[in-house]
């Protein structure tokens, strides 16, 4: 699970791009109990969601020309420029080259070989999210991809990630991803065949952030009350927990999970 003891290559930030920032703030504060802190002119209107005073994510307005409503996942990099070069060497693209964000850090946005967008954060004064793995915060990240071995090779070349197969109860397996050299405790997400979940395949290759909730069924009901929609009904999996996939009223997709074992930050 992600922790705030950030290792290079680990998830350290997530943010929302939305055409209706006010509507998104109403939805997510109602769903997760977040508060929203608006950004000043120096941030271009980029604001943050907080949970009990700790940063849980970011949010910004995006136009139709800039992209579809979506959540993005960012991974820690010790050197944004070197990571950008590694992405290109591995066959990815760099739609958003490294740039300084005030004195907070340095960021960039990439696409892997299958077209999935992801970002990196080289920390300055801002080390990353202040809340992870607790109810109302990021706790896992999945990449839906047409070729799991190719994706594993790409991200290994970029971040030095390791993978491990975890058997499913009743058959099958799941590809867990973790930071290099960290062992089992460094697992933070998974690689999933794109055709494994029909509703995910429609979106093409992409990263999907998971947010921990105390009660998955109650959170799902709240999503619908607030105008969101489900793309995967709640499912329970032994030793994993109960999870569901959802979208906010503008279509940005994310997942909810009540983990079988709460992570420690």
Protein backbone atom coordinates (compact mmCIF):
# COMPACT_ATOMS: atom_id res chain seq x y z
CA UNK A 1 0.00 0.00 0.00
CA UNK A 2 1.17 3.58 -0.57
CA UNK A 3 2.58 5.33 2.48
CA UNK A 4 3.86 8.80 3.21
CA UNK A 5 7.36 7.33 3.55
CA UNK A 6 7.80 7.97 -0.15
CA UNK A 7 10.30 5.89 -2.07
CA UNK A 8 11.40 6.78 -5.58
CA UNK A 9 8.88 5.33 -8.03
CA UNK A 10 6.03 5.17 -5.51
CA UNK A 11 2.69 6.96 -5.97
CA UNK A 12 2.96 10.33 -4.27
CA UNK A 13 0.19 12.49 -5.76
CA UNK A 14 -3.15 12.29 -7.53
CA UNK A 15 -5.22 15.03 -9.06
CA UNK A 16 -8.46 15.67 -10.88
CA UNK A 17 -8.95 17.53 -14.14
CA UNK A 18 -12.56 18.62 -14.51
CA UNK A 19 -14.62 21.04 -16.60
CA UNK A 20 -16.75 21.96 -13.55
CA UNK A 21 -14.53 22.61 -10.56
CA UNK A 22 -17.34 23.88 -8.34
CA UNK A 23 -19.44 20.80 -9.10
CA UNK A 24 -16.47 18.51 -8.48
CA UNK A 25 -15.77 20.16 -5.13
CA UNK A 26 -19.38 19.60 -4.10
CA UNK A 27 -19.25 15.94 -5.19
CA UNK A 28 -15.94 14.94 -3.58
CA UNK A 29 -16.39 16.86 -0.35
CA UNK A 30 -19.76 15.15 -0.04
CA UNK A 31 -18.30 11.74 -0.83
CA UNK A 32 -15.03 11.70 1.13
CA UNK A 33 -15.49 14.46 3.68
CA UNK A 34 -12.69 16.44 2.07
CA UNK A 35 -12.28 20.18 2.30
CA UNK A 36 -11.17 22.21 -0.70
CA UNK A 37 -8.45 24.85 -0.59
CA UNK A 38 -8.55 27.07 -3.66
CA UNK A 39 -5.27 27.95 -5.34
CA UNK A 40 -4.19 31.52 -5.85
CA UNK A 41 -3.25 33.22 -9.13
CA UNK A 42 0.30 31.91 -8.81
CA UNK A 43 -1.02 28.32 -9.13
CA UNK A 44 -3.22 29.00 -12.14
CA UNK A 45 -6.29 28.10 -10.11
CA UNK A 46 -4.94 24.69 -9.08
CA UNK A 47 -6.37 23.80 -5.68
CA UNK A 48 -6.08 20.99 -3.18
CA UNK A 49 -8.41 18.63 -1.37
CA UNK A 50 -7.56 18.07 2.29
CA UNK A 51 -8.54 15.42 4.81
CA UNK A 52 -8.21 16.35 8.47
CA UNK A 53 -5.80 19.07 7.41
CA UNK A 54 -3.62 16.75 5.30
CA UNK A 55 -3.46 16.94 1.51
CA UNK A 56 -5.48 14.19 -0.19
CA UNK A 57 -5.21 15.35 -3.81
CA UNK A 58 -5.32 18.22 -6.24
CA UNK A 59 -7.91 19.63 -8.64
CA UNK A 60 -7.94 21.97 -11.61
CA UNK A 61 -10.24 23.09 -14.38
CA UNK A 62 -9.64 21.55 -17.79
CA UNK A 63 -11.38 22.50 -21.01
CA UNK A 64 -12.66 20.08 -23.62
CA UNK A 65 -9.65 20.97 -25.77
CA UNK A 66 -7.25 20.14 -22.93
CA UNK A 67 -8.63 16.69 -22.27
CA UNK A 68 -11.42 14.58 -20.84
CA UNK A 69 -12.36 14.72 -17.15
CA UNK A 70 -10.01 12.33 -15.34
CA UNK A 71 -7.97 11.47 -12.29
CA UNK A 72 -4.20 11.22 -12.77
CA UNK A 73 -1.63 9.35 -10.69
CA UNK A 74 1.88 10.75 -10.10
CA UNK A 75 4.99 8.85 -9.04
CA UNK A 76 7.98 10.17 -7.14
CA UNK A 77 11.08 10.91 -9.18
CA UNK A 78 14.50 12.01 -7.88
CA UNK A 79 15.20 13.71 -11.23
CA UNK A 80 12.30 14.71 -13.50
CA UNK A 81 14.52 15.38 -16.51
CA UNK A 82 16.26 12.01 -16.24
CA UNK A 83 12.89 10.27 -15.90
CA UNK A 84 11.61 12.03 -19.03
CA UNK A 85 14.62 10.73 -20.93
CA UNK A 86 14.01 7.22 -19.56
CA UNK A 87 10.38 7.38 -20.73
CA UNK A 88 11.44 8.25 -24.26
CA UNK A 89 14.14 5.55 -24.32
CA UNK A 90 11.53 3.00 -23.22
CA UNK A 91 9.16 3.99 -26.05
CA UNK A 92 6.82 6.35 -24.21
CA UNK A 93 6.01 9.97 -25.00
CA UNK A 94 6.32 13.26 -23.10
CA UNK A 95 3.22 15.42 -23.68
CA UNK A 96 4.10 17.61 -20.68
CA UNK A 97 7.88 18.14 -20.29
CA UNK A 98 9.35 18.73 -16.82
CA UNK A 99 8.48 22.09 -15.30
CA UNK A 100 8.99 23.81 -11.97
CA UNK A 101 5.92 24.38 -9.79
CA UNK A 102 6.99 27.42 -7.77
CA UNK A 103 9.37 26.07 -5.11
CA UNK A 104 7.08 23.12 -4.37
CA UNK A 105 8.68 20.67 -6.78
CA UNK A 106 9.05 19.71 -10.40
CA UNK A 107 6.48 17.80 -12.44
CA UNK A 108 5.97 16.21 -15.85
CA UNK A 109 3.32 14.17 -17.64
CA UNK A 110 3.94 11.13 -19.83
CA UNK A 111 2.22 8.38 -21.78
CA UNK A 112 3.45 4.82 -21.73
CA UNK A 113 3.75 2.70 -24.88
CA UNK A 114 0.06 1.75 -24.73
CA UNK A 115 -1.07 5.37 -24.28
CA UNK A 116 -1.80 5.42 -20.54
CA UNK A 117 -1.12 8.84 -19.00
CA UNK A 118 0.84 9.16 -15.78
CA UNK A 119 2.78 11.90 -14.06
CA UNK A 120 5.87 12.32 -11.93
CA UNK A 121 6.69 14.59 -9.05
CA UNK A 122 10.21 15.59 -8.04
CA UNK A 123 9.64 17.02 -4.58
CA UNK A 124 10.77 20.42 -3.45
CA UNK A 125 9.00 21.93 -0.45
CA UNK A 126 6.01 19.67 -1.13
CA UNK A 127 6.94 16.00 -0.55
CA UNK A 128 3.60 14.68 -1.79
CA UNK A 129 0.25 13.66 -0.37
CA UNK A 130 -0.13 14.04 3.37
CA UNK A 131 -2.90 11.43 3.68
CA UNK A 132 -2.76 7.99 2.06
CA UNK A 133 -4.16 4.57 2.92
CA UNK A 134 -6.75 5.84 5.40
CA UNK A 135 -10.49 6.32 4.74
CA UNK A 136 -10.93 9.15 2.27
CA UNK A 137 -7.47 8.89 0.71
CA UNK A 138 -5.49 7.20 -2.05
CA UNK A 139 -4.66 3.59 -1.17
CA UNK A 140 -3.90 1.74 -4.44
CA UNK A 141 -3.42 2.32 -8.19
CA UNK A 142 -4.13 0.00 -11.10
CA UNK A 143 -2.95 0.16 -14.68
CA UNK A 144 -5.34 -1.35 -17.22
CA UNK A 145 -3.19 -2.28 -20.20
CA UNK A 146 -3.44 -4.51 -23.30
CA UNK A 147 -0.07 -6.16 -22.60
CA UNK A 148 0.88 -6.72 -18.96
CA UNK A 149 4.43 -8.05 -19.61
CA UNK A 150 5.18 -5.11 -21.94
CA UNK A 151 3.87 -2.65 -19.36
CA UNK A 152 5.95 -4.27 -16.64
CA UNK A 153 9.06 -3.95 -18.81
CA UNK A 154 8.31 -0.30 -19.61
CA UNK A 155 7.85 0.79 -16.00
CA UNK A 156 10.81 -1.28 -14.85
CA UNK A 157 12.93 0.65 -17.36
CA UNK A 158 11.54 3.98 -16.15
CA UNK A 159 11.22 3.45 -12.39
CA UNK A 160 12.90 0.14 -11.62
CA UNK A 161 9.61 -1.38 -10.46
CA UNK A 162 9.33 -5.05 -9.58
CA UNK A 163 6.30 -7.29 -10.16
CA UNK A 164 4.98 -10.35 -8.35
CA UNK A 165 2.10 -12.70 -9.13
CA UNK A 166 -0.43 -13.06 -6.32
CA UNK A 167 -2.88 -15.97 -6.68
CA UNK A 168 -6.59 -15.25 -6.53
CA UNK A 169 -8.74 -17.39 -4.27
CA UNK A 170 -10.43 -19.87 -6.59
CA UNK A 171 -7.90 -19.50 -9.40
CA UNK A 172 -6.09 -16.94 -11.51
CA UNK A 173 -3.54 -14.40 -10.39
CA UNK A 174 -2.94 -10.67 -10.03
CA UNK A 175 0.23 -8.79 -10.98
CA UNK A 176 1.30 -6.63 -8.05
CA UNK A 177 3.71 -3.76 -8.68
CA UNK A 178 6.15 -2.46 -6.09
CA UNK A 179 9.13 -0.19 -5.83
CA UNK A 180 12.48 -1.84 -6.49
CA UNK A 181 14.17 -3.53 -3.56
CA UNK A 182 11.33 -2.83 -1.15
CA UNK A 183 9.98 -6.37 -0.88
CA UNK A 184 6.33 -7.27 -0.36
CA UNK A 185 5.69 -4.25 1.85
CA UNK A 186 6.51 -1.95 -1.09
CA UNK A 187 3.50 -3.07 -3.16
CA UNK A 188 1.31 -0.13 -4.15
CA UNK A 189 -0.76 -1.23 -7.15
CA UNK A 190 -1.39 -3.72 -9.90
CA UNK A 191 -1.24 -4.37 -13.63
CA UNK A 192 -4.52 -5.66 -15.07
CA UNK A 193 -5.24 -6.96 -18.59
CA UNK A 194 -7.40 -4.38 -20.34
CA UNK A 195 -10.00 -6.97 -21.33
CA UNK A 196 -10.34 -8.34 -17.78
CA UNK A 197 -13.06 -5.79 -16.95
CA UNK A 198 -15.35 -4.88 -19.85
CA UNK A 199 -16.17 -1.40 -18.54
CA UNK A 200 -12.48 -0.59 -18.18
CA UNK A 201 -11.64 -1.79 -21.69
CA UNK A 202 -13.94 0.89 -23.12
CA UNK A 203 -11.65 3.59 -21.72
CA UNK A 204 -8.49 2.21 -23.33
CA UNK A 205 -5.21 1.87 -21.45
CA UNK A 206 -5.29 3.99 -18.28
CA UNK A 207 -4.39 4.33 -14.61
CA UNK A 208 -7.21 4.08 -12.06
CA UNK A 209 -6.74 5.42 -8.50
CA UNK A 210 -8.37 3.62 -5.57
CA UNK A 211 -9.64 5.53 -2.54
CA UNK A 212 -10.11 3.83 0.82
CA UNK A 213 -13.59 4.09 2.38
CA UNK A 214 -14.98 2.77 5.65
CA UNK A 215 -18.00 1.14 4.01
CA UNK A 216 -17.96 0.43 0.28
CA UNK A 217 -21.72 -0.04 0.00
CA UNK A 218 -22.43 3.21 1.80
CA UNK A 219 -19.89 5.05 -0.36
CA UNK A 220 -21.45 3.64 -3.53
CA UNK A 221 -24.88 4.82 -2.41
CA UNK A 222 -23.41 8.26 -1.74
CA UNK A 223 -21.85 8.37 -5.21
CA UNK A 224 -25.29 7.84 -6.74
CA UNK A 225 -26.99 10.34 -4.42
CA UNK A 226 -24.45 12.96 -5.47
CA UNK A 227 -25.05 12.36 -9.19
CA UNK A 228 -22.20 9.99 -9.97
CA UNK A 229 -22.47 6.60 -11.66
CA UNK A 230 -21.12 3.09 -11.14
CA UNK A 231 -19.15 1.27 -13.82
CA UNK A 232 -18.46 -1.81 -11.67
CA UNK A 233 -20.89 -2.88 -8.96
CA UNK A 234 -19.41 -3.65 -5.53
CA UNK A 235 -17.46 -6.91 -5.45
CA UNK A 236 -15.97 -8.69 -2.47
CA UNK A 237 -12.71 -10.61 -2.74
CA UNK A 238 -11.21 -12.70 0.03
CA UNK A 239 -8.14 -11.14 1.67
CA UNK A 240 -8.57 -8.04 -0.50
CA UNK A 241 -11.81 -6.36 0.54
CA UNK A 242 -14.88 -4.93 -1.14
CA UNK A 243 -14.44 -2.58 -4.08
CA UNK A 244 -16.35 -0.79 -6.83
CA UNK A 245 -15.58 1.45 -9.81
CA UNK A 246 -17.37 4.77 -10.20
CA UNK A 247 -17.39 8.07 -12.04
CA UNK A 248 -18.24 11.56 -10.87
CA UNK A 249 -21.03 13.57 -12.58
CA UNK A 250 -18.60 14.77 -15.28
CA UNK A 251 -17.25 11.28 -16.00
CA UNK A 252 -13.89 11.24 -14.17
CA UNK A 253 -13.39 7.64 -13.07
CA UNK A 254 -12.00 6.27 -9.83
CA UNK A 255 -12.38 3.26 -7.56
CA UNK A 256 -13.56 2.77 -4.00
CA UNK A 257 -12.39 0.02 -1.66
CA UNK A 258 -12.93 -1.11 1.89
CA UNK A 259 -9.70 -3.01 2.36
CA UNK A 260 -9.63 -6.30 4.23
CA UNK A 261 -6.59 -5.00 6.11
CA UNK A 262 -6.16 -1.29 6.69
CA UNK A 263 -2.75 0.02 5.69
CA UNK A 264 -0.52 1.93 8.03
CA UNK A 265 1.03 5.23 7.09
